């Protein structure tokens, strides 16, 4: 375990039990969410490559236009 995480857990241990439980639930949900996004992103690499190829082909055919941030 890293020092910052150890420090965070030491500080969390000083909280009231209900606050500790809330923090634990939030942290576990964040970990599950992060793993889910990591898995989804890894599984989508082929599709993302296909979309990038499509976008580049459209650009080469002159079917795209430059983005003007001032007009957003």
N, C-alpha and C. Protein backbone atom coordinates (compact mmCIF):
# COMPACT_ATOMS: atom_id res chain seq x y z
N UNK A 1 0.86 -1.18 0.00
CA UNK A 1 0.00 0.00 0.00
C UNK A 1 0.90 1.23 0.00
N UNK A 2 0.50 2.24 -0.76
CA UNK A 2 1.29 3.46 -0.84
C UNK A 2 1.13 4.31 0.41
N UNK A 3 2.09 5.21 0.62
CA UNK A 3 2.02 6.10 1.79
C UNK A 3 0.78 6.99 1.76
N UNK A 4 0.46 7.60 0.62
CA UNK A 4 -0.74 8.45 0.62
C UNK A 4 -2.01 7.67 0.95
N UNK A 5 -2.10 6.44 0.47
CA UNK A 5 -3.29 5.64 0.78
C UNK A 5 -3.30 5.26 2.26
N UNK A 6 -2.15 4.92 2.80
CA UNK A 6 -2.07 4.63 4.23
C UNK A 6 -2.52 5.85 5.05
N UNK A 7 -2.06 7.04 4.64
CA UNK A 7 -2.43 8.26 5.34
C UNK A 7 -3.93 8.50 5.25
N UNK A 8 -4.49 8.29 4.05
CA UNK A 8 -5.92 8.48 3.87
C UNK A 8 -6.71 7.51 4.75
N UNK A 9 -6.29 6.27 4.80
CA UNK A 9 -6.99 5.29 5.64
C UNK A 9 -6.84 5.63 7.11
N UNK A 10 -5.68 6.12 7.51
CA UNK A 10 -5.48 6.51 8.92
C UNK A 10 -6.42 7.66 9.29
N UNK A 11 -6.57 8.61 8.38
CA UNK A 11 -7.49 9.72 8.63
C UNK A 11 -8.93 9.24 8.62
N UNK A 12 -9.26 8.35 7.71
CA UNK A 12 -10.62 7.82 7.64
C UNK A 12 -10.97 7.04 8.90
N UNK A 13 -9.98 6.39 9.49
CA UNK A 13 -10.21 5.62 10.71
C UNK A 13 -10.61 6.52 11.88
N UNK A 14 -10.35 7.81 11.78
CA UNK A 14 -10.70 8.76 12.83
C UNK A 14 -12.15 9.25 12.71
N UNK A 15 -12.79 8.95 11.59
CA UNK A 15 -14.16 9.39 11.38
C UNK A 15 -15.14 8.56 12.20
N UNK A 16 -16.34 9.09 12.35
CA UNK A 16 -17.40 8.31 13.01
C UNK A 16 -17.69 7.08 12.16
N UNK A 17 -18.22 6.05 12.80
CA UNK A 17 -18.46 4.79 12.08
C UNK A 17 -19.36 4.95 10.87
N UNK A 18 -20.43 5.75 11.00
CA UNK A 18 -21.32 5.90 9.85
C UNK A 18 -20.64 6.64 8.71
N UNK A 19 -19.75 7.58 9.03
CA UNK A 19 -18.98 8.27 7.98
C UNK A 19 -17.96 7.32 7.36
N UNK A 20 -17.36 6.46 8.17
CA UNK A 20 -16.45 5.45 7.64
C UNK A 20 -17.18 4.52 6.68
N UNK A 21 -18.37 4.09 7.06
CA UNK A 21 -19.16 3.20 6.20
C UNK A 21 -19.52 3.89 4.89
N UNK A 22 -19.91 5.16 4.97
CA UNK A 22 -20.26 5.90 3.76
C UNK A 22 -19.04 6.04 2.85
N UNK A 23 -17.90 6.35 3.44
CA UNK A 23 -16.68 6.48 2.67
C UNK A 23 -16.30 5.14 2.03
N UNK A 24 -16.43 4.08 2.78
CA UNK A 24 -16.10 2.75 2.26
C UNK A 24 -17.02 2.38 1.09
N UNK A 25 -18.31 2.65 1.24
CA UNK A 25 -19.25 2.35 0.15
C UNK A 25 -18.91 3.15 -1.09
N UNK A 26 -18.59 4.44 -0.90
CA UNK A 26 -18.24 5.29 -2.04
C UNK A 26 -16.97 4.78 -2.72
N UNK A 27 -15.96 4.46 -1.92
CA UNK A 27 -14.68 4.00 -2.47
C UNK A 27 -14.85 2.69 -3.23
N UNK A 28 -15.58 1.77 -2.66
CA UNK A 28 -15.80 0.49 -3.35
C UNK A 28 -16.57 0.68 -4.64
N UNK A 29 -17.56 1.56 -4.64
CA UNK A 29 -18.32 1.83 -5.86
C UNK A 29 -17.41 2.46 -6.92
N UNK A 30 -16.52 3.35 -6.51
CA UNK A 30 -15.58 3.96 -7.44
C UNK A 30 -14.65 2.92 -8.06
N UNK A 31 -14.17 2.00 -7.24
CA UNK A 31 -13.28 0.95 -7.73
C UNK A 31 -14.01 0.06 -8.74
N UNK A 32 -15.23 -0.32 -8.42
CA UNK A 32 -16.03 -1.14 -9.34
C UNK A 32 -16.26 -0.37 -10.64
N UNK A 33 -16.61 0.90 -10.54
CA UNK A 33 -16.85 1.72 -11.73
C UNK A 33 -15.59 1.84 -12.58
N UNK A 34 -14.47 2.08 -11.96
CA UNK A 34 -13.21 2.21 -12.69
C UNK A 34 -12.86 0.92 -13.41
N UNK A 35 -13.05 -0.20 -12.74
CA UNK A 35 -12.77 -1.49 -13.39
C UNK A 35 -13.70 -1.72 -14.57
N UNK A 36 -14.97 -1.33 -14.41
CA UNK A 36 -15.94 -1.50 -15.49
C UNK A 36 -15.53 -0.67 -16.70
N UNK A 37 -15.18 0.61 -16.48
CA UNK A 37 -14.75 1.46 -17.59
C UNK A 37 -13.48 0.93 -18.25
N UNK A 38 -12.55 0.45 -17.45
CA UNK A 38 -11.32 -0.12 -17.99
C UNK A 38 -11.63 -1.31 -18.88
N UNK A 39 -12.51 -2.18 -18.41
CA UNK A 39 -12.89 -3.36 -19.20
C UNK A 39 -13.63 -2.96 -20.48
N UNK A 40 -14.57 -2.01 -20.36
CA UNK A 40 -15.31 -1.57 -21.54
C UNK A 40 -14.40 -0.90 -22.56
N UNK A 41 -13.49 -0.08 -22.09
CA UNK A 41 -12.57 0.59 -22.99
C UNK A 41 -11.67 -0.42 -23.69
N UNK A 42 -11.16 -1.39 -22.95
CA UNK A 42 -10.30 -2.41 -23.55
C UNK A 42 -11.06 -3.22 -24.60
N UNK A 43 -12.32 -3.50 -24.32
CA UNK A 43 -13.13 -4.30 -25.24
C UNK A 43 -13.56 -3.50 -26.47
N UNK A 44 -13.43 -2.18 -26.43
CA UNK A 44 -13.91 -1.36 -27.54
C UNK A 44 -12.80 -0.91 -28.48
N UNK A 45 -11.59 -1.37 -28.29
CA UNK A 45 -10.47 -0.89 -29.09
C UNK A 45 -10.67 -1.13 -30.58
N UNK A 46 -11.18 -2.29 -30.96
CA UNK A 46 -11.40 -2.57 -32.38
C UNK A 46 -12.44 -1.62 -32.96
N UNK A 47 -13.52 -1.40 -32.23
CA UNK A 47 -14.57 -0.49 -32.70
C UNK A 47 -14.05 0.94 -32.80
N UNK A 48 -13.27 1.37 -31.81
CA UNK A 48 -12.70 2.71 -31.85
C UNK A 48 -11.76 2.87 -33.05
N UNK A 49 -10.98 1.84 -33.35
CA UNK A 49 -10.09 1.89 -34.51
C UNK A 49 -10.90 2.01 -35.79
N UNK A 50 -12.00 1.27 -35.88
CA UNK A 50 -12.88 1.35 -37.06
C UNK A 50 -13.46 2.77 -37.20
N UNK A 51 -13.91 3.35 -36.11
CA UNK A 51 -14.46 4.70 -36.15
C UNK A 51 -13.39 5.71 -36.57
N UNK A 52 -12.18 5.54 -36.07
CA UNK A 52 -11.09 6.44 -36.45
C UNK A 52 -10.79 6.31 -37.94
N UNK A 53 -10.76 5.09 -38.44
CA UNK A 53 -10.54 4.88 -39.87
C UNK A 53 -11.63 5.54 -40.69
N UNK A 54 -12.88 5.40 -40.26
CA UNK A 54 -14.00 6.04 -40.96
C UNK A 54 -13.85 7.56 -40.98
N UNK A 55 -13.48 8.11 -39.84
CA UNK A 55 -13.33 9.57 -39.74
C UNK A 55 -12.20 10.05 -40.64
N UNK A 56 -11.09 9.33 -40.67
CA UNK A 56 -9.98 9.73 -41.54
C UNK A 56 -10.37 9.63 -43.01
N UNK A 57 -11.11 8.59 -43.37
CA UNK A 57 -11.56 8.44 -44.76
C UNK A 57 -12.48 9.60 -45.14
N UNK A 58 -13.39 9.98 -44.25
CA UNK A 58 -14.27 11.14 -44.52
C UNK A 58 -13.44 12.40 -44.71
N UNK A 59 -12.42 12.57 -43.89
CA UNK A 59 -11.57 13.76 -43.99
C UNK A 59 -10.83 13.76 -45.33
N UNK A 60 -10.29 12.62 -45.72
CA UNK A 60 -9.57 12.54 -47.00
C UNK A 60 -10.49 12.83 -48.18
N UNK A 61 -11.77 12.49 -48.07
CA UNK A 61 -12.73 12.75 -49.14
C UNK A 61 -13.24 14.20 -49.10
N UNK A 62 -12.77 14.97 -48.14
CA UNK A 62 -13.18 16.35 -48.05
C UNK A 62 -14.57 16.53 -47.44
N UNK A 63 -15.03 15.56 -46.69
CA UNK A 63 -16.37 15.61 -46.10
C UNK A 63 -16.39 16.20 -44.70
N UNK A 64 -15.27 16.75 -44.26
CA UNK A 64 -15.21 17.33 -42.92
C UNK A 64 -14.88 18.81 -43.04
N UNK A 65 -15.09 19.54 -41.97
CA UNK A 65 -14.69 20.94 -41.95
C UNK A 65 -14.02 21.24 -40.62
N UNK A 66 -13.17 22.25 -40.63
CA UNK A 66 -12.44 22.62 -39.44
C UNK A 66 -13.37 23.07 -38.32
N UNK A 67 -12.92 22.88 -37.11
CA UNK A 67 -13.69 23.29 -35.94
C UNK A 67 -13.23 24.67 -35.50
N UNK A 68 -14.17 25.58 -35.36
CA UNK A 68 -13.89 26.91 -34.86
C UNK A 68 -14.41 27.01 -33.43
N UNK A 69 -13.49 26.93 -32.44
CA UNK A 69 -13.92 26.96 -31.03
C UNK A 69 -14.75 28.20 -30.68
N UNK A 70 -14.51 29.30 -31.40
CA UNK A 70 -15.25 30.53 -31.13
C UNK A 70 -16.72 30.42 -31.51
N UNK A 71 -17.04 29.49 -32.38
CA UNK A 71 -18.43 29.35 -32.82
C UNK A 71 -19.22 28.34 -31.99
N UNK A 72 -18.58 27.75 -31.03
CA UNK A 72 -19.29 26.76 -30.20
C UNK A 72 -20.21 27.40 -29.21
